Amino acid sequence: MGWWVWLVVVVVAVAALSGLVLWLQASRRSGTVIAVRRGGGRWGAR
């Protein structure tokens, strides 16, 4: 396992995090958060 493995892991983690944030903002705008809230809070879907 070289240092590049950790670099790839960090890049993938950052990309997934930013994608999740963008999806949350988009879903909040379109109103699908109401369905998520019905499932037990904003973080209940985890």
PDB file of N, CA and C in Angstrom:
ATOM      1  N   MET A   1       0.856  -1.204   0.000  1.00  0.00           N
ATOM      2  CA  MET A   1       0.000   0.000   0.000  1.00  0.00           C
ATOM      3  C   MET A   1       0.884   1.243   0.000  1.00  0.00           C
ATOM      4  N   GLY A   2       0.831   1.982  -1.093  1.00  0.00           N
ATOM      5  CA  GLY A   2       1.635   3.202  -1.176  1.00  0.00           C
ATOM      6  C   GLY A   2       0.863   4.415  -0.703  1.00  0.00           C
ATOM      7  N   TRP A   3       1.510   5.552  -0.745  1.00  0.00           N
ATOM      8  CA  TRP A   3       0.859   6.797  -0.312  1.00  0.00           C
ATOM      9  C   TRP A   3      -0.273   7.176  -1.245  1.00  0.00           C
ATOM     10  N   TRP A   4      -0.174   6.726  -2.500  1.00  0.00           N
ATOM     11  CA  TRP A   4      -1.209   7.069  -3.491  1.00  0.00           C
ATOM     12  C   TRP A   4      -2.545   6.421  -3.140  1.00  0.00           C
ATOM     13  N   VAL A   5      -2.484   5.299  -2.401  1.00  0.00           N
ATOM     14  CA  VAL A   5      -3.736   4.648  -1.984  1.00  0.00           C
ATOM     15  C   VAL A   5      -4.520   5.582  -1.071  1.00  0.00           C
ATOM     16  N   TRP A   6      -3.828   6.199  -0.122  1.00  0.00           N
ATOM     17  CA  TRP A   6      -4.496   7.132   0.801  1.00  0.00           C
ATOM     18  C   TRP A   6      -4.985   8.363   0.057  1.00  0.00           C
ATOM     19  N   LEU A   7      -4.201   8.794  -0.953  1.00  0.00           N
ATOM     20  CA  LEU A   7      -4.619   9.946  -1.763  1.00  0.00           C
ATOM     21  C   LEU A   7      -5.940   9.646  -2.470  1.00  0.00           C
ATOM     22  N   VAL A   8      -6.044   8.449  -3.047  1.00  0.00           N
ATOM     23  CA  VAL A   8      -7.279   8.044  -3.727  1.00  0.00           C
ATOM     24  C   VAL A   8      -8.435   7.977  -2.733  1.00  0.00           C
ATOM     25  N   VAL A   9      -8.181   7.418  -1.554  1.00  0.00           N
ATOM     26  CA  VAL A   9      -9.226   7.303  -0.526  1.00  0.00           C
ATOM     27  C   VAL A   9      -9.737   8.681  -0.131  1.00  0.00           C
ATOM     28  N   VAL A  10      -8.818   9.631   0.079  1.00  0.00           N
ATOM     29  CA  VAL A  10      -9.206  10.988   0.475  1.00  0.00           C
ATOM     30  C   VAL A  10     -10.017  11.654  -0.632  1.00  0.00           C
ATOM     31  N   VAL A  11      -9.556  11.515  -1.885  1.00  0.00           N
ATOM     32  CA  VAL A  11     -10.260  12.135  -3.017  1.00  0.00           C
ATOM     33  C   VAL A  11     -11.673  11.568  -3.142  1.00  0.00           C
ATOM     34  N   VAL A  12     -11.802  10.255  -3.027  1.00  0.00           N
ATOM     35  CA  VAL A  12     -13.121   9.616  -3.127  1.00  0.00           C
ATOM     36  C   VAL A  12     -14.021  10.073  -1.985  1.00  0.00           C
ATOM     37  N   ALA A  13     -13.471  10.161  -0.772  1.00  0.00           N
ATOM     38  CA  ALA A  13     -14.256  10.581   0.386  1.00  0.00           C
ATOM     39  C   ALA A  13     -14.747  12.016   0.217  1.00  0.00           C
ATOM     40  N   VAL A  14     -13.868  12.903  -0.251  1.00  0.00           N
ATOM     41  CA  VAL A  14     -14.249  14.306  -0.458  1.00  0.00           C
ATOM     42  C   VAL A  14     -15.313  14.414  -1.544  1.00  0.00           C
ATOM     43  N   ALA A  15     -15.143  13.663  -2.620  1.00  0.00           N
ATOM     44  CA  ALA A  15     -16.116  13.696  -3.715  1.00  0.00           C
ATOM     45  C   ALA A  15     -17.475  13.193  -3.243  1.00  0.00           C
ATOM     46  N   ALA A  16     -17.482  12.110  -2.461  1.00  0.00           N
ATOM     47  CA  ALA A  16     -18.742  11.562  -1.954  1.00  0.00           C
ATOM     48  C   ALA A  16     -19.410  12.545  -1.001  1.00  0.00           C
ATOM     49  N   LEU A  17     -18.607  13.208  -0.160  1.00  0.00           N
ATOM     50  CA  LEU A  17     -19.151  14.170   0.796  1.00  0.00           C
ATOM     51  C   LEU A  17     -19.769  15.357   0.085  1.00  0.00           C
ATOM     52  N   SER A  18     -19.064  15.921  -0.891  1.00  0.00           N
ATOM     53  CA  SER A  18     -19.590  17.075  -1.624  1.00  0.00           C
ATOM     54  C   SER A  18     -20.827  16.677  -2.419  1.00  0.00           C
ATOM     55  N   GLY A  19     -20.825  15.472  -2.964  1.00  0.00           N
ATOM     56  CA  GLY A  19     -21.993  14.991  -3.694  1.00  0.00           C
ATOM     57  C   GLY A  19     -23.194  14.846  -2.777  1.00  0.00           C
ATOM     58  N   LEU A  20     -22.956  14.343  -1.561  1.00  0.00           N
ATOM     59  CA  LEU A  20     -24.039  14.192  -0.590  1.00  0.00           C
ATOM     60  C   LEU A  20     -24.602  15.543  -0.197  1.00  0.00           C
ATOM     61  N   VAL A  21     -23.717  16.528   0.019  1.00  0.00           N
ATOM     62  CA  VAL A  21     -24.158  17.875   0.391  1.00  0.00           C
ATOM     63  C   VAL A  21     -24.987  18.487  -0.733  1.00  0.00           C
ATOM     64  N   LEU A  22     -24.509  18.334  -1.977  1.00  0.00           N
ATOM     65  CA  LEU A  22     -25.247  18.876  -3.125  1.00  0.00           C
ATOM     66  C   LEU A  22     -26.610  18.207  -3.254  1.00  0.00           C
ATOM     67  N   TRP A  23     -26.655  16.886  -3.038  1.00  0.00           N
ATOM     68  CA  TRP A  23     -27.922  16.151  -3.134  1.00  0.00           C
ATOM     69  C   TRP A  23     -28.887  16.591  -2.037  1.00  0.00           C
ATOM     70  N   LEU A  24     -28.346  16.820  -0.832  1.00  0.00           N
ATOM     71  CA  LEU A  24     -29.192  17.277   0.277  1.00  0.00           C
ATOM     72  C   LEU A  24     -29.789  18.641  -0.035  1.00  0.00           C
ATOM     73  N   GLN A  25     -28.970  19.554  -0.585  1.00  0.00           N
ATOM     74  CA  GLN A  25     -29.463  20.890  -0.924  1.00  0.00           C
ATOM     75  C   GLN A  25     -30.523  20.809  -2.017  1.00  0.00           C
ATOM     76  N   ALA A  26     -30.296  19.969  -3.023  1.00  0.00           N
ATOM     77  CA  ALA A  26     -31.252  19.831  -4.122  1.00  0.00           C
ATOM     78  C   ALA A  26     -32.552  19.208  -3.635  1.00  0.00           C
ATOM     79  N   SER A  27     -32.457  18.193  -2.777  1.00  0.00           N
ATOM     80  CA  SER A  27     -33.660  17.531  -2.277  1.00  0.00           C
ATOM     81  C   SER A  27     -34.429  18.465  -1.355  1.00  0.00           C
ATOM     82  N   ARG A  28     -33.708  19.299  -0.613  1.00  0.00           N
ATOM     83  CA  ARG A  28     -34.363  20.259   0.274  1.00  0.00           C
ATOM     84  C   ARG A  28     -35.159  21.259  -0.560  1.00  0.00           C
ATOM     85  N   ARG A  29     -34.586  21.643  -1.711  1.00  0.00           N
ATOM     86  CA  ARG A  29     -35.232  22.624  -2.575  1.00  0.00           C
ATOM     87  C   ARG A  29     -36.486  22.035  -3.231  1.00  0.00           C
ATOM     88  N   SER A  30     -36.413  20.766  -3.622  1.00  0.00           N
ATOM     89  CA  SER A  30     -37.527  20.153  -4.343  1.00  0.00           C
ATOM     90  C   SER A  30     -38.599  19.622  -3.396  1.00  0.00           C
ATOM     91  N   GLY A  31     -38.283  19.517  -2.109  1.00  0.00           N
ATOM     92  CA  GLY A  31     -39.293  19.135  -1.123  1.00  0.00           C
ATOM     93  C   GLY A  31     -39.309  17.658  -0.782  1.00  0.00           C
ATOM     94  N   THR A  32     -38.276  16.908  -1.184  1.00  0.00           N
ATOM     95  CA  THR A  32     -38.263  15.488  -0.840  1.00  0.00           C
ATOM     96  C   THR A  32     -37.814  15.270   0.602  1.00  0.00           C
ATOM     97  N   VAL A  33     -37.346  16.343   1.253  1.00  0.00           N
ATOM     98  CA  VAL A  33     -36.927  16.235   2.651  1.00  0.00           C
ATOM     99  C   VAL A  33     -38.124  15.890   3.533  1.00  0.00           C
ATOM    100  N   ILE A  34     -39.320  16.290   3.098  1.00  0.00           N
ATOM    101  CA  ILE A  34     -40.532  15.967   3.850  1.00  0.00           C
ATOM    102  C   ILE A  34     -40.663  14.445   3.967  1.00  0.00           C
ATOM    103  N   ALA A  35     -40.387  13.743   2.882  1.00  0.00           N
ATOM    104  CA  ALA A  35     -40.451  12.281   2.901  1.00  0.00           C
ATOM    105  C   ALA A  35     -39.363  11.716   3.815  1.00  0.00           C
ATOM    106  N   VAL A  36     -38.188  12.353   3.805  1.00  0.00           N
ATOM    107  CA  VAL A  36     -37.093  11.902   4.664  1.00  0.00           C
ATOM    108  C   VAL A  36     -37.451  12.138   6.124  1.00  0.00           C
ATOM    109  N   ARG A  37     -38.078  13.269   6.409  1.00  0.00           N
ATOM    110  CA  ARG A  37     -38.452  13.613   7.767  1.00  0.00           C
ATOM    111  C   ARG A  37     -39.474  12.615   8.309  1.00  0.00           C
ATOM    112  N   ARG A  38     -40.350  12.160   7.418  1.00  0.00           N
ATOM    113  CA  ARG A  38     -41.362  11.186   7.813  1.00  0.00           C
ATOM    114  C   ARG A  38     -40.694   9.875   8.253  1.00  0.00           C
ATOM    115  N   GLY A  39     -39.479   9.643   7.733  1.00  0.00           N
ATOM    116  CA  GLY A  39     -38.766   8.411   8.067  1.00  0.00           C
ATOM    117  C   GLY A  39     -38.010   8.495   9.383  1.00  0.00           C
ATOM    118  N   GLY A  40     -38.222   9.547  10.139  1.00  0.00           N
ATOM    119  CA  GLY A  40     -37.601   9.640  11.459  1.00  0.00           C
ATOM    120  C   GLY A  40     -36.483  10.649  11.538  1.00  0.00           C
ATOM    121  N   GLY A  41     -36.754  11.883  11.133  1.00  0.00           N
ATOM    122  CA  GLY A  41     -35.739  12.925  11.255  1.00  0.00           C
ATOM    123  C   GLY A  41     -34.849  13.012  10.035  1.00  0.00           C
ATOM    124  N   ARG A  42     -34.123  14.113   9.920  1.00  0.00           N
ATOM    125  CA  ARG A  42     -33.267  14.335   8.756  1.00  0.00           C
ATOM    126  C   ARG A  42     -32.134  13.316   8.705  1.00  0.00           C
ATOM    127  N   TRP A  43     -31.668  12.881   9.877  1.00  0.00           N
ATOM    128  CA  TRP A  43     -30.536  11.941   9.898  1.00  0.00           C
ATOM    129  C   TRP A  43     -31.003  10.511  10.182  1.00  0.00           C
ATOM    130  N   GLY A  44     -32.316  10.293  10.170  1.00  0.00           N
ATOM    131  CA  GLY A  44     -32.836   8.962  10.453  1.00  0.00           C
ATOM    132  C   GLY A  44     -32.659   7.996   9.299  1.00  0.00           C
ATOM    133  N   ALA A  45     -32.342   8.522   8.104  1.00  0.00           N
ATOM    134  CA  ALA A  45     -32.214   7.668   6.924  1.00  0.00           C
ATOM    135  C   ALA A  45     -30.908   6.880   6.955  1.00  0.00           C
ATOM    136  N   ARG A  46     -29.963   7.294   7.853  1.00  0.00           N
ATOM    137  CA  ARG A  46     -28.663   6.645   7.879  1.00  0.00           C
ATOM    138  C   ARG A  46     -28.767   5.191   8.305  1.00  0.00           C
TER     139      ARG A  46
END
